[in-house]
Amino acid sequence: MMDKIVFAQYTVQDLLIAATLAVGILIVLVILKQIFGGKKGSRHIQAVECTGCGWQGQVSRYAGRCPVCNSPLGEQKAEPKR
């Protein structure tokens, strides 16, 4: 079964080996991309420091508030409720 010629001089075994190598290379590339690719930041979150209480962390870019003292933080792009 493995020595059956499928295409030109390539056998089933040759095609299975090539497919396994291709999948293996893709897996290695994905792993390397995760390791060396870096971390992308969200465009909806920003890092801030509260001037009132000194809390540091990440808040929403649209309606960011300090979780400790509730003071407004960051860009505050959201419009207030009327």
N, C-alpha and C. Protein backbone atom coordinates (compact mmCIF):
# COMPACT_ATOMS: atom_id res chain seq x y z
N MET A 1 0.83 -1.19 0.00
CA MET A 1 0.00 0.00 0.00
C MET A 1 0.87 1.26 0.00
N MET A 2 1.95 1.28 0.78
CA MET A 2 2.78 2.46 0.89
C MET A 2 3.68 2.66 -0.32
N ASP A 3 3.88 1.64 -1.12
CA ASP A 3 4.76 1.77 -2.28
C ASP A 3 3.98 2.04 -3.57
N LYS A 4 2.71 2.33 -3.45
CA LYS A 4 1.89 2.63 -4.62
C LYS A 4 2.23 4.03 -5.13
N ILE A 5 2.46 4.13 -6.44
CA ILE A 5 2.83 5.40 -7.05
C ILE A 5 1.56 6.24 -7.22
N VAL A 6 1.62 7.47 -6.68
CA VAL A 6 0.46 8.35 -6.72
C VAL A 6 0.62 9.43 -7.78
N PHE A 7 1.81 10.02 -7.84
CA PHE A 7 2.03 11.13 -8.75
C PHE A 7 3.48 11.06 -9.22
N ALA A 8 3.68 11.02 -10.52
CA ALA A 8 5.01 10.89 -11.13
C ALA A 8 5.74 9.71 -10.50
N GLN A 9 6.86 9.95 -9.81
CA GLN A 9 7.59 8.85 -9.17
C GLN A 9 7.36 8.84 -7.65
N TYR A 10 6.44 9.67 -7.15
CA TYR A 10 6.20 9.78 -5.71
C TYR A 10 5.20 8.72 -5.24
N THR A 11 5.54 8.08 -4.13
CA THR A 11 4.68 7.05 -3.57
C THR A 11 3.85 7.64 -2.44
N VAL A 12 2.92 6.83 -1.93
CA VAL A 12 2.09 7.24 -0.81
C VAL A 12 2.98 7.57 0.39
N GLN A 13 4.00 6.76 0.61
CA GLN A 13 4.91 6.99 1.72
C GLN A 13 5.63 8.33 1.57
N ASP A 14 6.07 8.67 0.38
CA ASP A 14 6.74 9.95 0.15
C ASP A 14 5.80 11.12 0.45
N LEU A 15 4.55 11.01 0.02
CA LEU A 15 3.59 12.08 0.26
C LEU A 15 3.26 12.21 1.74
N LEU A 16 3.15 11.10 2.46
CA LEU A 16 2.90 11.15 3.90
C LEU A 16 4.06 11.80 4.65
N ILE A 17 5.27 11.49 4.25
CA ILE A 17 6.44 12.09 4.88
C ILE A 17 6.46 13.59 4.62
N ALA A 18 6.20 13.99 3.40
CA ALA A 18 6.19 15.41 3.05
C ALA A 18 5.09 16.15 3.81
N ALA A 19 3.91 15.57 3.91
CA ALA A 19 2.80 16.21 4.64
C ALA A 19 3.13 16.33 6.13
N THR A 20 3.74 15.31 6.70
CA THR A 20 4.12 15.35 8.11
C THR A 20 5.17 16.43 8.36
N LEU A 21 6.14 16.53 7.48
CA LEU A 21 7.15 17.58 7.61
C LEU A 21 6.53 18.98 7.48
N ALA A 22 5.61 19.14 6.56
CA ALA A 22 4.97 20.44 6.37
C ALA A 22 4.18 20.84 7.61
N VAL A 23 3.43 19.92 8.18
CA VAL A 23 2.66 20.21 9.39
C VAL A 23 3.61 20.50 10.55
N GLY A 24 4.68 19.75 10.66
CA GLY A 24 5.67 19.98 11.72
C GLY A 24 6.30 21.36 11.61
N ILE A 25 6.64 21.77 10.41
CA ILE A 25 7.24 23.09 10.20
C ILE A 25 6.24 24.18 10.56
N LEU A 26 4.99 24.02 10.18
CA LEU A 26 3.96 25.00 10.53
C LEU A 26 3.80 25.12 12.04
N ILE A 27 3.80 24.00 12.75
CA ILE A 27 3.67 24.03 14.20
C ILE A 27 4.85 24.75 14.83
N VAL A 28 6.06 24.47 14.35
CA VAL A 28 7.25 25.14 14.89
C VAL A 28 7.17 26.65 14.61
N LEU A 29 6.72 27.05 13.44
CA LEU A 29 6.61 28.47 13.12
C LEU A 29 5.59 29.18 14.01
N VAL A 30 4.47 28.53 14.28
CA VAL A 30 3.46 29.11 15.16
C VAL A 30 4.01 29.28 16.58
N ILE A 31 4.72 28.28 17.07
CA ILE A 31 5.30 28.36 18.41
C ILE A 31 6.34 29.47 18.47
N LEU A 32 7.20 29.57 17.46
CA LEU A 32 8.21 30.63 17.44
C LEU A 32 7.57 32.01 17.36
N LYS A 33 6.48 32.14 16.63
CA LYS A 33 5.79 33.42 16.53
C LYS A 33 5.21 33.81 17.88
N GLN A 34 4.67 32.85 18.62
CA GLN A 34 4.13 33.15 19.94
C GLN A 34 5.23 33.55 20.92
N ILE A 35 6.39 32.93 20.80
CA ILE A 35 7.48 33.22 21.72
C ILE A 35 8.11 34.57 21.42
N PHE A 36 8.42 34.82 20.15
CA PHE A 36 9.16 36.02 19.78
C PHE A 36 8.30 37.12 19.18
N GLY A 37 7.02 36.90 19.02
CA GLY A 37 6.15 37.88 18.37
C GLY A 37 5.82 39.08 19.21
N GLY A 38 5.96 38.98 20.50
CA GLY A 38 5.60 40.10 21.36
C GLY A 38 4.11 40.10 21.65
N LYS A 39 3.73 41.01 22.52
CA LYS A 39 2.34 41.08 22.92
C LYS A 39 1.72 42.35 22.35
N LYS A 40 0.64 42.19 21.64
CA LYS A 40 -0.06 43.33 21.08
C LYS A 40 -1.01 43.88 22.13
N GLY A 41 -1.00 45.19 22.27
CA GLY A 41 -1.90 45.83 23.21
C GLY A 41 -3.26 46.06 22.58
N SER A 42 -4.25 46.10 23.41
CA SER A 42 -5.60 46.37 22.92
C SER A 42 -5.76 47.86 22.69
N ARG A 43 -6.47 48.21 21.66
CA ARG A 43 -6.69 49.63 21.39
C ARG A 43 -7.79 50.20 22.28
N HIS A 44 -8.44 49.35 23.08
CA HIS A 44 -9.52 49.78 23.96
C HIS A 44 -9.07 49.95 25.40
N ILE A 45 -7.82 49.61 25.70
CA ILE A 45 -7.32 49.66 27.06
C ILE A 45 -6.04 50.49 27.10
N GLN A 46 -5.84 51.20 28.20
CA GLN A 46 -4.62 51.99 28.35
C GLN A 46 -4.09 51.84 29.77
N ALA A 47 -2.79 51.96 29.90
CA ALA A 47 -2.15 51.91 31.21
C ALA A 47 -2.15 53.30 31.81
N VAL A 48 -2.55 53.40 33.08
CA VAL A 48 -2.65 54.70 33.74
C VAL A 48 -2.17 54.60 35.19
N GLU A 49 -1.95 55.78 35.79
CA GLU A 49 -1.67 55.88 37.21
C GLU A 49 -2.59 56.94 37.78
N CYS A 50 -3.29 56.61 38.85
CA CYS A 50 -4.23 57.54 39.46
C CYS A 50 -3.45 58.58 40.27
N THR A 51 -3.78 59.85 40.05
CA THR A 51 -3.11 60.91 40.80
C THR A 51 -3.71 61.07 42.19
N GLY A 52 -4.92 60.55 42.38
CA GLY A 52 -5.57 60.69 43.68
C GLY A 52 -5.07 59.70 44.72
N CYS A 53 -5.00 58.43 44.34
CA CYS A 53 -4.63 57.40 45.33
C CYS A 53 -3.34 56.66 44.98
N GLY A 54 -2.81 56.85 43.77
CA GLY A 54 -1.56 56.20 43.38
C GLY A 54 -1.73 54.82 42.75
N TRP A 55 -2.97 54.39 42.55
CA TRP A 55 -3.22 53.08 41.93
C TRP A 55 -2.67 53.07 40.52
N GLN A 56 -2.07 51.95 40.10
CA GLN A 56 -1.56 51.79 38.74
C GLN A 56 -2.20 50.56 38.12
N GLY A 57 -2.53 50.66 36.85
CA GLY A 57 -3.10 49.51 36.16
C GLY A 57 -3.63 49.89 34.80
N GLN A 58 -4.55 49.07 34.31
CA GLN A 58 -5.14 49.29 32.99
C GLN A 58 -6.63 49.60 33.15
N VAL A 59 -7.08 50.57 32.38
CA VAL A 59 -8.49 50.95 32.40
C VAL A 59 -8.98 51.11 30.96
N SER A 60 -10.27 51.19 30.82
CA SER A 60 -10.88 51.40 29.51
C SER A 60 -10.50 52.77 28.97
N ARG A 61 -10.23 52.82 27.68
CA ARG A 61 -9.89 54.09 27.03
C ARG A 61 -11.12 54.98 26.91
N TYR A 62 -12.29 54.41 27.01
CA TYR A 62 -13.53 55.15 26.77
C TYR A 62 -14.18 55.67 28.05
N ALA A 63 -14.17 54.89 29.10
CA ALA A 63 -14.82 55.31 30.34
C ALA A 63 -13.98 54.87 31.53
N GLY A 64 -12.68 55.13 31.49
CA GLY A 64 -11.77 54.66 32.53
C GLY A 64 -11.98 55.36 33.86
N ARG A 65 -12.06 54.56 34.91
CA ARG A 65 -12.20 55.08 36.26
C ARG A 65 -11.29 54.28 37.17
N CYS A 66 -10.77 54.93 38.20
CA CYS A 66 -9.93 54.26 39.19
C CYS A 66 -10.81 53.30 40.00
N PRO A 67 -10.40 52.03 40.13
CA PRO A 67 -11.22 51.09 40.90
C PRO A 67 -11.15 51.34 42.40
N VAL A 68 -10.20 52.14 42.87
CA VAL A 68 -10.06 52.41 44.29
C VAL A 68 -10.85 53.65 44.71
N CYS A 69 -10.59 54.77 44.02
CA CYS A 69 -11.23 56.03 44.43
C CYS A 69 -12.27 56.55 43.43
N ASN A 70 -12.48 55.86 42.33
CA ASN A 70 -13.49 56.18 41.32
C ASN A 70 -13.25 57.51 40.61
N SER A 71 -12.05 58.02 40.61
CA SER A 71 -11.78 59.26 39.87
C SER A 71 -11.57 58.92 38.40
N PRO A 72 -11.94 59.84 37.49
CA PRO A 72 -11.78 59.57 36.06
C PRO A 72 -10.31 59.48 35.67
N LEU A 73 -10.01 58.52 34.80
CA LEU A 73 -8.64 58.29 34.35
C LEU A 73 -8.60 58.18 32.84
N GLY A 74 -7.46 58.51 32.24
CA GLY A 74 -7.24 58.27 30.82
C GLY A 74 -7.95 59.25 29.92
N GLU A 75 -8.16 58.80 28.69
CA GLU A 75 -8.68 59.68 27.64
C GLU A 75 -10.16 60.01 27.79
N GLN A 76 -10.93 59.11 28.36
CA GLN A 76 -12.38 59.36 28.57
C GLN A 76 -13.06 59.78 27.27
N LYS A 77 -13.01 58.92 26.25
CA LYS A 77 -13.60 59.25 24.95
C LYS A 77 -15.11 59.10 24.94
N ALA A 78 -15.66 58.39 25.89
CA ALA A 78 -17.11 58.20 25.91
C ALA A 78 -17.81 59.49 26.32
N GLU A 79 -18.97 59.72 25.75
CA GLU A 79 -19.73 60.92 26.11
C GLU A 79 -20.55 60.63 27.36
N PRO A 80 -20.67 61.58 28.26
CA PRO A 80 -21.44 61.35 29.49
C PRO A 80 -22.93 61.20 29.17
N LYS A 81 -23.64 60.49 30.06
CA LYS A 81 -25.08 60.33 29.91
C LYS A 81 -25.77 61.65 30.21
N ARG A 82 -26.84 61.91 29.50
CA ARG A 82 -27.57 63.17 29.70
C ARG A 82 -28.88 62.91 30.37
